[in-house]
Amino acid sequence: MKTVVLCAGHDYRYKGAYNSDYRIHENTFVKQFIIDLYNLHFRGDIFSPEIRMLLLYIDDNYNITHKNDSLKIKSRFVNRMPEMSLFIEMHLNSFGNTNATGSEILYNNEANRGFCELFAFNFNIYFPWARWRGIKHRTNLYLLNTIKKSVILEPFFLSNNKDVKSFVGNSNNYNMLLMMTAKTINDWASGFRINYEKLLNYRKKCLI
């Protein structure tokens, strides 16, 4: 049995990035996304029965006075779960240059790179038109340093209106992102692995 925790980045008070044109906060979107992903678990035909899903987000039941409070709460929660196999926190990217676009996944512990490579593979299959920014090894993020079995997904830029229109304003792409993430979790839980270098070479050939 694999126990996977789905977590929304940020919290109800410190909501992360904001897109004023679409009037959407990062935390609002990622919270709804992980709830929708979690609910797929009850359909019975999406996730393997060998996967146990848990949902974690910080709402107003918690007393949050500082933007780092939610990180500490998450770390305490999951580090009391020795049975946890993977912690997936969902975020959206944001940058001052609103032309910045693309998807990426972050990790620190090498044991989690296999999941990252599967996410990269599936994202490029489902969304060949989107920019893939890569798998990034990050050693300076509190979450990745304190939760050893964690990865951070950043599927698009909230600061880029084209990205938002593609994934928030387009229900087909939103549902595809849900199904793609679910497939990645299933693939990882089943022990499936891919050759990431071959994927990168394939992408280069497609772009020539």
Protein backbone atom coordinates (compact mmCIF):
# COMPACT_ATOMS: atom_id res chain seq x y z
CA MET A 1 0.00 0.00 0.00
CA LYS A 2 1.32 3.44 -1.00
CA THR A 3 0.17 6.44 1.04
CA VAL A 4 0.15 9.68 -0.96
CA VAL A 5 -0.56 13.08 0.60
CA LEU A 6 -2.00 15.75 -1.71
CA CYS A 7 -1.32 19.23 -0.36
CA ALA A 8 -2.31 22.74 -1.46
CA GLY A 9 0.49 25.29 -1.47
CA HIS A 10 0.21 28.32 0.86
CA ASP A 11 -2.89 28.76 3.05
CA TYR A 12 -6.17 30.63 3.51
CA ARG A 13 -4.45 33.80 4.77
CA TYR A 14 -1.23 33.91 2.75
CA LYS A 15 -2.65 32.82 -0.59
CA GLY A 16 0.45 33.06 -2.76
CA ALA A 17 0.40 34.58 -6.25
CA TYR A 18 -2.60 36.48 -7.61
CA ASN A 19 -3.88 37.11 -11.14
CA SER A 20 -5.92 40.33 -11.11
CA ASP A 21 -7.37 39.80 -14.62
CA TYR A 22 -8.87 36.44 -13.70
CA ARG A 23 -9.27 37.38 -10.03
CA ILE A 24 -7.81 34.13 -8.78
CA HIS A 25 -5.37 33.39 -5.98
CA GLU A 26 -2.84 30.59 -6.20
CA ASN A 27 -4.12 28.87 -3.07
CA THR A 28 -7.72 29.02 -4.31
CA PHE A 29 -6.85 27.17 -7.51
CA VAL A 30 -4.48 24.57 -6.09
CA LYS A 31 -6.83 23.76 -3.20
CA GLN A 32 -9.67 23.05 -5.63
CA PHE A 33 -7.34 21.05 -7.86
CA ILE A 34 -6.16 18.69 -5.12
CA ILE A 35 -9.76 18.26 -3.90
CA ASP A 36 -10.82 17.30 -7.43
CA LEU A 37 -7.82 14.98 -7.73
CA TYR A 38 -8.61 13.41 -4.36
CA ASN A 39 -12.24 12.87 -5.36
CA LEU A 40 -11.14 10.84 -8.38
CA HIS A 41 -10.04 8.27 -5.82
CA PHE A 42 -13.69 7.46 -5.10
CA ARG A 43 -14.58 6.68 -8.71
CA GLY A 44 -12.91 3.32 -8.40
CA ASP A 45 -11.59 3.23 -11.98
CA ILE A 46 -8.84 5.86 -11.77
CA PHE A 47 -6.46 5.02 -8.94
CA SER A 48 -5.05 1.63 -8.07
CA PRO A 49 -6.60 0.10 -4.91
CA GLU A 50 -3.02 -0.12 -3.65
CA ILE A 51 -2.93 3.69 -3.28
CA ARG A 52 -4.22 5.43 -0.17
CA MET A 53 -4.87 9.14 -0.70
CA LEU A 54 -4.84 11.82 2.00
CA LEU A 55 -5.80 15.49 1.56
CA LEU A 56 -4.08 18.39 3.33
CA TYR A 57 -4.79 22.11 3.11
CA ILE A 58 -4.60 24.89 5.67
CA ASP A 59 -7.99 26.58 6.19
CA ASP A 60 -9.30 28.95 8.86
CA ASN A 61 -9.41 26.17 11.44
CA TYR A 62 -5.72 26.92 11.90
CA ASN A 63 -4.34 30.04 13.55
CA ILE A 64 -2.00 31.44 10.90
CA THR A 65 -0.11 34.62 11.84
CA HIS A 66 2.99 34.28 9.64
CA LYS A 67 3.47 33.01 6.09
CA ASN A 68 5.78 30.24 7.33
CA ASP A 69 3.25 28.89 9.85
CA SER A 70 1.54 26.66 7.32
CA LEU A 71 4.87 25.12 6.29
CA LYS A 72 5.60 24.17 9.88
CA ILE A 73 2.12 22.69 10.33
CA LYS A 74 2.51 20.58 7.19
CA SER A 75 5.94 19.36 8.25
CA ARG A 76 4.73 18.35 11.72
CA PHE A 77 1.72 16.59 10.26
CA VAL A 78 3.49 14.43 7.69
CA ASN A 79 6.61 13.72 9.72
CA ARG A 80 4.35 11.91 12.21
CA MET A 81 3.33 9.56 9.38
CA PRO A 82 6.11 7.01 8.90
CA GLU A 83 3.86 5.14 6.46
CA MET A 84 3.74 8.09 4.03
CA SER A 85 5.22 7.18 0.65
CA LEU A 86 4.99 10.52 -1.17
CA PHE A 87 4.01 14.11 -0.39
CA ILE A 88 2.84 16.15 -3.39
CA GLU A 89 2.42 19.89 -2.91
CA MET A 90 0.73 21.85 -5.67
CA HIS A 91 1.80 25.40 -6.51
CA LEU A 92 1.55 27.78 -9.45
CA ASN A 93 4.53 29.66 -10.76
CA SER A 94 4.60 33.47 -10.99
CA PHE A 95 7.07 36.02 -12.34
CA GLY A 96 7.28 39.75 -12.98
CA ASN A 97 7.72 39.09 -16.70
CA THR A 98 4.20 38.00 -17.63
CA ASN A 99 5.51 36.23 -20.74
CA ALA A 100 7.17 33.58 -18.55
CA THR A 101 5.42 30.27 -19.19
CA GLY A 102 5.68 26.53 -18.72
CA SER A 103 5.59 23.65 -16.28
CA GLU A 104 8.19 22.29 -13.90
CA ILE A 105 8.57 19.98 -10.92
CA LEU A 106 10.92 20.47 -7.95
CA TYR A 107 12.58 17.93 -5.67
CA ASN A 108 15.48 17.59 -3.25
CA ASN A 109 15.70 13.93 -2.23
CA GLU A 110 17.04 11.76 -5.09
CA ALA A 111 14.60 9.02 -4.06
CA ASN A 112 11.79 11.22 -5.45
CA ARG A 113 13.34 11.85 -8.86
CA GLY A 114 11.61 8.82 -10.38
CA PHE A 115 8.20 10.41 -9.74
CA CYS A 116 9.45 13.68 -11.23
CA GLU A 117 10.56 11.93 -14.41
CA LEU A 118 7.16 10.25 -14.75
CA PHE A 119 5.42 13.60 -14.30
CA ALA A 120 7.68 15.09 -16.98
CA PHE A 121 6.96 12.21 -19.36
CA ASN A 122 3.18 12.34 -18.90
CA PHE A 123 3.00 16.13 -19.04
CA ASN A 124 4.82 16.15 -22.37
CA ILE A 125 2.51 13.45 -23.76
CA TYR A 126 -0.70 15.18 -22.62
CA PHE A 127 0.42 18.75 -23.38
CA PRO A 128 2.98 18.68 -26.23
CA TRP A 129 2.16 22.31 -27.04
CA ALA A 130 3.15 23.57 -23.56
CA ARG A 131 6.67 24.57 -22.58
CA TRP A 132 8.44 22.09 -20.33
CA ARG A 133 10.82 23.93 -17.98
CA GLY A 134 12.36 20.82 -16.50
CA ILE A 135 12.95 18.79 -13.37
CA LYS A 136 14.73 21.02 -10.88
CA HIS A 137 16.81 19.91 -7.93
CA ARG A 138 16.28 22.51 -5.20
CA THR A 139 18.11 22.48 -1.88
CA ASN A 140 16.95 25.87 -0.56
CA LEU A 141 13.23 25.24 0.01
CA TYR A 142 11.93 24.61 3.53
CA LEU A 143 9.28 22.10 2.46
CA LEU A 144 11.63 19.93 0.40
CA ASN A 145 14.24 19.99 3.16
CA THR A 146 11.90 19.09 6.01
CA ILE A 147 9.64 16.59 4.23
CA LYS A 148 12.06 14.15 2.63
CA LYS A 149 9.45 12.36 0.51
CA SER A 150 8.12 15.55 -1.06
CA VAL A 151 7.88 17.08 -4.53
CA ILE A 152 6.43 20.41 -5.66
CA LEU A 153 4.35 20.60 -8.84
CA GLU A 154 4.13 23.90 -10.73
CA PRO A 155 2.10 23.15 -13.89
CA PHE A 156 1.77 26.72 -15.20
CA PHE A 157 2.33 30.42 -14.51
CA LEU A 158 -0.49 32.26 -12.79
CA SER A 159 1.16 35.50 -13.93
CA ASN A 160 0.74 34.52 -17.60
CA ASN A 161 -2.82 35.08 -18.86
CA LYS A 162 -2.34 32.62 -21.73
CA ASP A 163 -1.37 29.90 -19.25
CA VAL A 164 -4.34 30.74 -17.05
CA LYS A 165 -6.70 30.69 -20.01
CA SER A 166 -5.31 27.30 -21.07
CA PHE A 167 -5.58 25.56 -17.70
CA VAL A 168 -8.17 27.52 -15.70
CA GLY A 169 -10.41 28.83 -18.47
CA ASN A 170 -10.39 25.59 -20.49
CA SER A 171 -12.24 22.77 -18.71
CA ASN A 172 -10.87 20.13 -21.10
CA ASN A 173 -7.27 21.03 -20.29
CA TYR A 174 -8.08 21.24 -16.57
CA ASN A 175 -9.55 17.74 -16.63
CA MET A 176 -6.60 16.48 -18.67
CA LEU A 177 -4.23 17.91 -16.05
CA LEU A 178 -6.19 16.06 -13.37
CA MET A 179 -6.07 12.77 -15.28
CA MET A 180 -2.40 13.23 -16.17
CA THR A 181 -1.48 13.79 -12.52
CA ALA A 182 -3.55 10.77 -11.48
CA LYS A 183 -1.82 8.63 -14.12
CA THR A 184 1.57 9.79 -12.87
CA ILE A 185 0.71 8.74 -9.32
CA ASN A 186 -0.50 5.35 -10.59
CA ASP A 187 2.59 4.83 -12.72
CA TRP A 188 4.86 5.70 -9.81
CA ALA A 189 2.99 3.43 -7.37
CA SER A 190 3.21 0.52 -9.82
CA GLY A 191 6.99 0.88 -10.08
CA PHE A 192 6.98 2.09 -13.69
CA ARG A 193 9.99 4.18 -14.71
CA ILE A 194 11.05 6.04 -17.88
CA ASN A 195 14.29 7.24 -19.44
CA TYR A 196 14.24 11.00 -18.94
CA GLU A 197 17.21 11.66 -21.23
CA LYS A 198 15.37 9.98 -24.12
CA LEU A 199 12.36 12.20 -23.38
CA LEU A 200 14.51 15.34 -23.62
CA ASN A 201 16.02 14.17 -26.91
CA TYR A 202 12.54 13.44 -28.26
CA ARG A 203 11.37 16.93 -27.29
CA LYS A 204 14.37 18.48 -29.05
CA LYS A 205 13.59 16.60 -32.25
CA CYS A 206 9.96 17.72 -32.13
CA LEU A 207 11.02 21.34 -31.79
CA ILE A 208 13.47 21.29 -34.72
